[in-house]
Amino acid sequence: MNKLLRHAVVAALAAVAIGTVLRLLSDFVNAPDLGEAGWTLAAAIGIILFFIFYLRGANRRTAPGDTEARERALAFACPADRALVYFVRSGLAGAAVGVDIRVDGQTVAQIKSPRFTCVTIAPGLRTLEACVGDGRSSLAPASAVMSATVTAGSVTLLHIGMRRSMLKTALVFEPWSIETAKARLKKIGMVLADSSAA
């Protein structure tokens, strides 16, 4: 059974179970409106569960930063011939869904919320991207993509936020100052990036 079908079956079974429980409860308390509304609620929960399962299906294991790696990252000290780019997620929206971090099309890390990662890259014009899965699914939020010329010795801090509209949710890059990062990153877990891919 492929993953998409498995997610649909599990979500449908959960919806049927919730609808059945609400229907039995409505019979028990003699409230027929509760039974009718219960099936609508159960269907909505089933759809939400399907999307959660689908989006989490792209999650993978990540390596947490040890004490030494955190201290190095929180010093914001960049090697003279390289550039540092920090990617940060915070907040509850989509917290359990892993967001892939890509530099010039290569995945260098995946972060959930609240987490951050720090990537050491060569200076120059680079394409930075945050996406869920392959970034092309209509079920996933639209990817955040930006081209930036990073200079040697520079530090760039990008918070990954979410912008919602009636039709689509999109990931967006929100620049942070070093002062903001110093205040916020101490309380956020770190994920190691594969800088060799950058």
C-alpha atoms as a PDB file:
ATOM      1  CA  MET A   1       0.000   0.000   0.000  1.00  0.00           C
ATOM      2  CA  ASN A   2       1.520   3.336  -0.978  1.00  0.00           C
ATOM      3  CA  LYS A   3       1.871   6.147   1.562  1.00  0.00           C
ATOM      4  CA  LEU A   4      -0.863   8.366   0.141  1.00  0.00           C
ATOM      5  CA  LEU A   5      -3.432   5.559   0.255  1.00  0.00           C
ATOM      6  CA  ARG A   6      -2.323   4.558   3.759  1.00  0.00           C
ATOM      7  CA  HIS A   7      -2.733   8.163   4.977  1.00  0.00           C
ATOM      8  CA  ALA A   8      -6.209   8.335   3.405  1.00  0.00           C
ATOM      9  CA  VAL A   9      -7.289   5.019   4.990  1.00  0.00           C
ATOM     10  CA  VAL A  10      -6.052   5.978   8.471  1.00  0.00           C
ATOM     11  CA  ALA A  11      -7.695   9.420   8.270  1.00  0.00           C
ATOM     12  CA  ALA A  12     -10.972   7.853   7.054  1.00  0.00           C
ATOM     13  CA  LEU A  13     -10.955   5.268   9.860  1.00  0.00           C
ATOM     14  CA  ALA A  14     -10.312   8.003  12.420  1.00  0.00           C
ATOM     15  CA  ALA A  15     -13.197  10.049  10.985  1.00  0.00           C
ATOM     16  CA  VAL A  16     -15.568   7.048  11.112  1.00  0.00           C
ATOM     17  CA  ALA A  17     -14.534   6.294  14.713  1.00  0.00           C
ATOM     18  CA  ILE A  18     -15.096   9.905  15.797  1.00  0.00           C
ATOM     19  CA  GLY A  19     -18.418  10.096  13.950  1.00  0.00           C
ATOM     20  CA  THR A  20     -19.585   6.828  15.512  1.00  0.00           C
ATOM     21  CA  VAL A  21     -18.661   7.947  19.029  1.00  0.00           C
ATOM     22  CA  LEU A  22     -20.482  11.252  18.557  1.00  0.00           C
ATOM     23  CA  ARG A  23     -23.510   9.438  17.129  1.00  0.00           C
ATOM     24  CA  LEU A  24     -23.642   7.064  20.127  1.00  0.00           C
ATOM     25  CA  LEU A  25     -23.230  10.024  22.465  1.00  0.00           C
ATOM     26  CA  SER A  26     -26.102  11.852  20.755  1.00  0.00           C
ATOM     27  CA  ASP A  27     -28.340   8.777  21.185  1.00  0.00           C
ATOM     28  CA  PHE A  28     -27.303   8.486  24.826  1.00  0.00           C
ATOM     29  CA  VAL A  29     -28.122  12.112  25.674  1.00  0.00           C
ATOM     30  CA  ASN A  30     -31.066  12.216  23.216  1.00  0.00           C
ATOM     31  CA  ALA A  31     -29.614  15.050  21.122  1.00  0.00           C
ATOM     32  CA  PRO A  32     -30.086  14.195  17.418  1.00  0.00           C
ATOM     33  CA  ASP A  33     -28.480  17.495  16.339  1.00  0.00           C
ATOM     34  CA  LEU A  34     -25.237  16.387  17.974  1.00  0.00           C
ATOM     35  CA  GLY A  35     -25.226  13.209  15.872  1.00  0.00           C
ATOM     36  CA  GLU A  36     -25.755  15.091  12.608  1.00  0.00           C
ATOM     37  CA  ALA A  37     -23.156  17.741  13.426  1.00  0.00           C
ATOM     38  CA  GLY A  38     -20.837  15.003  14.652  1.00  0.00           C
ATOM     39  CA  TRP A  39     -20.465  13.473  11.197  1.00  0.00           C
ATOM     40  CA  THR A  40     -19.603  16.863   9.722  1.00  0.00           C
ATOM     41  CA  LEU A  41     -17.033  17.427  12.456  1.00  0.00           C
ATOM     42  CA  ALA A  42     -15.650  13.909  11.990  1.00  0.00           C
ATOM     43  CA  ALA A  43     -15.259  14.471   8.236  1.00  0.00           C
ATOM     44  CA  ALA A  44     -13.427  17.764   8.854  1.00  0.00           C
ATOM     45  CA  ILE A  45     -11.098  16.083  11.369  1.00  0.00           C
ATOM     46  CA  GLY A  46     -10.449  13.266   8.882  1.00  0.00           C
ATOM     47  CA  ILE A  47      -9.442  15.764   6.183  1.00  0.00           C
ATOM     48  CA  ILE A  48      -7.155  17.637   8.589  1.00  0.00           C
ATOM     49  CA  LEU A  49      -5.553  14.359   9.699  1.00  0.00           C
ATOM     50  CA  PHE A  50      -4.930  13.376   6.078  1.00  0.00           C
ATOM     51  CA  PHE A  51      -3.072  16.644   5.415  1.00  0.00           C
ATOM     52  CA  ILE A  52      -1.032  16.286   8.612  1.00  0.00           C
ATOM     53  CA  PHE A  53      -0.062  12.686   7.746  1.00  0.00           C
ATOM     54  CA  TYR A  54       0.747  13.687   4.173  1.00  0.00           C
ATOM     55  CA  LEU A  55       2.963  16.612   5.130  1.00  0.00           C
ATOM     56  CA  ARG A  56       4.717  14.686   7.902  1.00  0.00           C
ATOM     57  CA  GLY A  57       5.434  11.879   5.449  1.00  0.00           C
ATOM     58  CA  ALA A  58       8.445  13.851   4.167  1.00  0.00           C
ATOM     59  CA  ASN A  59       9.983  14.140   7.660  1.00  0.00           C
ATOM     60  CA  ARG A  60      13.315  12.476   8.264  1.00  0.00           C
ATOM     61  CA  ARG A  61      15.751  12.026  11.121  1.00  0.00           C
ATOM     62  CA  THR A  62      17.948  15.008  11.914  1.00  0.00           C
ATOM     63  CA  ALA A  63      21.090  15.371  14.026  1.00  0.00           C
ATOM     64  CA  PRO A  64      20.720  17.774  16.964  1.00  0.00           C
ATOM     65  CA  GLY A  65      23.539  20.225  17.588  1.00  0.00           C
ATOM     66  CA  ASP A  66      25.704  19.373  20.575  1.00  0.00           C
ATOM     67  CA  THR A  67      26.857  21.954  23.150  1.00  0.00           C
ATOM     68  CA  GLU A  68      29.981  22.841  21.179  1.00  0.00           C
ATOM     69  CA  ALA A  69      28.073  23.313  17.905  1.00  0.00           C
ATOM     70  CA  ARG A  70      25.461  25.498  19.660  1.00  0.00           C
ATOM     71  CA  GLU A  71      28.112  27.666  21.293  1.00  0.00           C
ATOM     72  CA  ARG A  72      29.871  28.110  17.954  1.00  0.00           C
ATOM     73  CA  ALA A  73      26.595  29.006  16.209  1.00  0.00           C
ATOM     74  CA  LEU A  74      25.488  31.411  18.939  1.00  0.00           C
ATOM     75  CA  ALA A  75      28.809  33.262  18.716  1.00  0.00           C
ATOM     76  CA  PHE A  76      27.822  34.352  15.162  1.00  0.00           C
ATOM     77  CA  ALA A  77      31.506  34.270  14.198  1.00  0.00           C
ATOM     78  CA  CYS A  78      31.973  33.684  10.480  1.00  0.00           C
ATOM     79  CA  PRO A  79      35.181  32.374   8.874  1.00  0.00           C
ATOM     80  CA  ALA A  80      36.831  35.119   6.816  1.00  0.00           C
ATOM     81  CA  ASP A  81      36.437  33.290   3.484  1.00  0.00           C
ATOM     82  CA  ARG A  82      32.896  31.962   4.025  1.00  0.00           C
ATOM     83  CA  ALA A  83      29.384  33.234   4.799  1.00  0.00           C
ATOM     84  CA  LEU A  84      26.982  32.071   7.508  1.00  0.00           C
ATOM     85  CA  VAL A  85      23.248  31.687   6.886  1.00  0.00           C
ATOM     86  CA  TYR A  86      20.909  30.852   9.762  1.00  0.00           C
ATOM     87  CA  PHE A  87      17.450  29.409   9.130  1.00  0.00           C
ATOM     88  CA  VAL A  88      14.983  29.574  12.029  1.00  0.00           C
ATOM     89  CA  ARG A  89      11.517  28.204  12.683  1.00  0.00           C
ATOM     90  CA  SER A  90       9.349  29.134  15.660  1.00  0.00           C
ATOM     91  CA  GLY A  91       5.678  29.085  16.547  1.00  0.00           C
ATOM     92  CA  LEU A  92       3.057  26.346  16.480  1.00  0.00           C
ATOM     93  CA  ALA A  93       1.842  26.495  12.872  1.00  0.00           C
ATOM     94  CA  GLY A  94       2.962  23.297  11.168  1.00  0.00           C
ATOM     95  CA  ALA A  95       5.437  22.668  13.992  1.00  0.00           C
ATOM     96  CA  ALA A  96       5.679  18.902  13.444  1.00  0.00           C
ATOM     97  CA  VAL A  97       6.176  19.203   9.688  1.00  0.00           C
ATOM     98  CA  GLY A  98       9.815  19.182   8.591  1.00  0.00           C
ATOM     99  CA  VAL A  99      10.858  22.030   6.299  1.00  0.00           C
ATOM    100  CA  ASP A 100      13.765  21.252   3.976  1.00  0.00           C
ATOM    101  CA  ILE A 101      16.477  23.889   3.701  1.00  0.00           C
ATOM    102  CA  ARG A 102      18.128  24.054   0.284  1.00  0.00           C
ATOM    103  CA  VAL A 103      21.102  26.010  -1.009  1.00  0.00           C
ATOM    104  CA  ASP A 104      21.410  26.164  -4.794  1.00  0.00           C
ATOM    105  CA  GLY A 105      18.955  23.266  -5.092  1.00  0.00           C
ATOM    106  CA  GLN A 106      20.774  20.951  -2.652  1.00  0.00           C
ATOM    107  CA  THR A 107      19.110  19.989   0.629  1.00  0.00           C
ATOM    108  CA  VAL A 108      21.421  20.825   3.532  1.00  0.00           C
ATOM    109  CA  ALA A 109      19.065  20.381   6.513  1.00  0.00           C
ATOM    110  CA  GLN A 110      15.502  19.828   7.659  1.00  0.00           C
ATOM    111  CA  ILE A 111      14.012  21.716  10.593  1.00  0.00           C
ATOM    112  CA  LYS A 112      10.780  21.461  12.533  1.00  0.00           C
ATOM    113  CA  SER A 113       9.586  24.147  14.932  1.00  0.00           C
ATOM    114  CA  PRO A 114      11.068  25.453  17.161  1.00  0.00           C
ATOM    115  CA  ARG A 115      14.504  24.753  15.667  1.00  0.00           C
ATOM    116  CA  PHE A 116      17.305  26.513  13.834  1.00  0.00           C
ATOM    117  CA  THR A 117      20.228  25.493  11.684  1.00  0.00           C
ATOM    118  CA  CYS A 118      23.358  27.300  10.576  1.00  0.00           C
ATOM    119  CA  VAL A 119      24.895  26.725   7.146  1.00  0.00           C
ATOM    120  CA  THR A 120      28.426  27.749   6.161  1.00  0.00           C
ATOM    121  CA  ILE A 121      28.542  28.538   2.449  1.00  0.00           C
ATOM    122  CA  ALA A 122      30.879  30.025  -0.112  1.00  0.00           C
ATOM    123  CA  PRO A 123      30.285  33.712  -0.876  1.00  0.00           C
ATOM    124  CA  GLY A 124      28.556  34.734  -4.090  1.00  0.00           C
ATOM    125  CA  LEU A 125      25.080  34.683  -5.594  1.00  0.00           C
ATOM    126  CA  ARG A 126      23.195  31.850  -3.906  1.00  0.00           C
ATOM    127  CA  THR A 127      19.631  30.569  -4.129  1.00  0.00           C
ATOM    128  CA  LEU A 128      18.120  29.863  -0.705  1.00  0.00           C
ATOM    129  CA  GLU A 129      14.936  27.840  -0.351  1.00  0.00           C
ATOM    130  CA  ALA A 130      12.653  26.472   2.360  1.00  0.00           C
ATOM    131  CA  CYS A 131      10.108  23.879   1.254  1.00  0.00           C
ATOM    132  CA  VAL A 132       7.980  20.959   2.425  1.00  0.00           C
ATOM    133  CA  GLY A 133       8.758  17.746   0.562  1.00  0.00           C
ATOM    134  CA  ASP A 134       9.802  18.399  -3.012  1.00  0.00           C
ATOM    135  CA  GLY A 135       8.135  21.824  -2.939  1.00  0.00           C
ATOM    136  CA  ARG A 136       5.867  20.988  -5.885  1.00  0.00           C
ATOM    137  CA  SER A 137       2.858  19.378  -4.199  1.00  0.00           C
ATOM    138  CA  SER A 138      -0.384  21.357  -4.270  1.00  0.00           C
ATOM    139  CA  LEU A 139      -1.108  19.998  -0.782  1.00  0.00           C
ATOM    140  CA  ALA A 140       2.030  21.570   0.711  1.00  0.00           C
ATOM    141  CA  PRO A 141       2.594  25.270   1.395  1.00  0.00           C
ATOM    142  CA  ALA A 142       4.329  27.191  -1.380  1.00  0.00           C
ATOM    143  CA  SER A 143       8.103  27.288  -0.978  1.00  0.00           C
ATOM    144  CA  ALA A 144      10.048  30.333   0.187  1.00  0.00           C
ATOM    145  CA  VAL A 145      12.759  31.113  -2.368  1.00  0.00           C
ATOM    146  CA  MET A 146      15.222  33.982  -2.559  1.00  0.00           C
ATOM    147  CA  SER A 147      18.397  34.790  -4.424  1.00  0.00           C
ATOM    148  CA  ALA A 148      20.978  36.602  -2.348  1.00  0.00           C
ATOM    149  CA  THR A 149      24.547  37.699  -2.864  1.00  0.00           C
ATOM    150  CA  VAL A 150      26.337  36.779   0.344  1.00  0.00           C
ATOM    151  CA  THR A 151      29.757  38.224   1.037  1.00  0.00           C
ATOM    152  CA  ALA A 152      32.718  36.664   2.805  1.00  0.00           C
ATOM    153  CA  GLY A 153      32.455  37.108   6.558  1.00  0.00           C
ATOM    154  CA  SER A 154      28.731  37.975   6.430  1.00  0.00           C
ATOM    155  CA  VAL A 155      25.978  36.606   8.678  1.00  0.00           C
ATOM    156  CA  THR A 156      22.420  36.277   7.302  1.00  0.00           C
ATOM    157  CA  LEU A 157      19.507  35.359   9.574  1.00  0.00           C
ATOM    158  CA  LEU A 158      16.237  34.151   8.033  1.00  0.00           C
ATOM    159  CA  HIS A 159      13.162  33.252  10.043  1.00  0.00           C
ATOM    160  CA  ILE A 160      10.775  30.964   8.142  1.00  0.00           C
ATOM    161  CA  GLY A 161       7.241  32.217   8.642  1.00  0.00           C
ATOM    162  CA  MET A 162       3.895  31.328   7.094  1.00  0.00           C
ATOM    163  CA  ARG A 163       1.651  33.628   5.081  1.00  0.00           C
ATOM    164  CA  ARG A 164      -1.939  32.493   4.688  1.00  0.00           C
ATOM    165  CA  SER A 165      -4.446  33.509   2.058  1.00  0.00           C
ATOM    166  CA  MET A 166      -7.889  32.194   1.124  1.00  0.00           C
ATOM    167  CA  LEU A 167      -6.417  29.849  -1.480  1.00  0.00           C
ATOM    168  CA  LYS A 168      -2.886  28.952  -0.395  1.00  0.00           C
ATOM    169  CA  THR A 169      -0.446  28.937   2.481  1.00  0.00           C
ATOM    170  CA  ALA A 170       3.111  29.952   1.687  1.00  0.00           C
ATOM    171  CA  LEU A 171       6.414  29.804   3.530  1.00  0.00           C
ATOM    172  CA  VAL A 172       8.174  33.173   3.645  1.00  0.00           C
ATOM    173  CA  PHE A 173      11.633  34.359   4.673  1.00  0.00           C
ATOM    174  CA  GLU A 174      11.624  37.062   7.345  1.00  0.00           C
ATOM    175  CA  PRO A 175      15.045  38.661   7.956  1.00  0.00           C
ATOM    176  CA  TRP A 176      16.164  38.868  11.591  1.00  0.00           C
ATOM    177  CA  SER A 177      18.771  41.101  13.165  1.00  0.00           C
ATOM    178  CA  ILE A 178      21.623  39.601  15.169  1.00  0.00           C
ATOM    179  CA  GLU A 179      20.123  41.205  18.300  1.00  0.00           C
ATOM    180  CA  THR A 180      16.824  39.376  17.710  1.00  0.00           C
ATOM    181  CA  ALA A 181      18.668  36.115  17.064  1.00  0.00           C
ATOM    182  CA  LYS A 182      20.763  36.453  20.217  1.00  0.00           C
ATOM    183  CA  ALA A 183      17.611  36.893  22.287  1.00  0.00           C
ATOM    184  CA  ARG A 184      15.578  34.127  20.624  1.00  0.00           C
ATOM    185  CA  LEU A 185      17.981  31.353  19.598  1.00  0.00           C
ATOM    186  CA  LYS A 186      19.106  30.553  23.148  1.00  0.00           C
ATOM    187  CA  LYS A 187      15.679  29.014  23.751  1.00  0.00           C
ATOM    188  CA  ILE A 188      15.480  27.118  20.447  1.00  0.00           C
ATOM    189  CA  GLY A 189      16.944  23.700  19.619  1.00  0.00           C
ATOM    190  CA  MET A 190      19.603  23.386  16.935  1.00  0.00           C
ATOM    191  CA  VAL A 191      19.798  20.951  14.014  1.00  0.00           C
ATOM    192  CA  LEU A 192      23.137  20.285  12.326  1.00  0.00           C
ATOM    193  CA  ALA A 193      23.350  21.136   8.645  1.00  0.00           C
ATOM    194  CA  ASP A 194      25.273  19.227   6.012  1.00  0.00           C
ATOM    195  CA  SER A 195      27.540  22.112   5.047  1.00  0.00           C
ATOM    196  CA  SER A 196      29.440  19.885   2.614  1.00  0.00           C
ATOM    197  CA  ALA A 197      26.368  20.064   0.357  1.00  0.00           C
ATOM    198  CA  ALA A 198      26.505  23.858   0.357  1.00  0.00           C
END
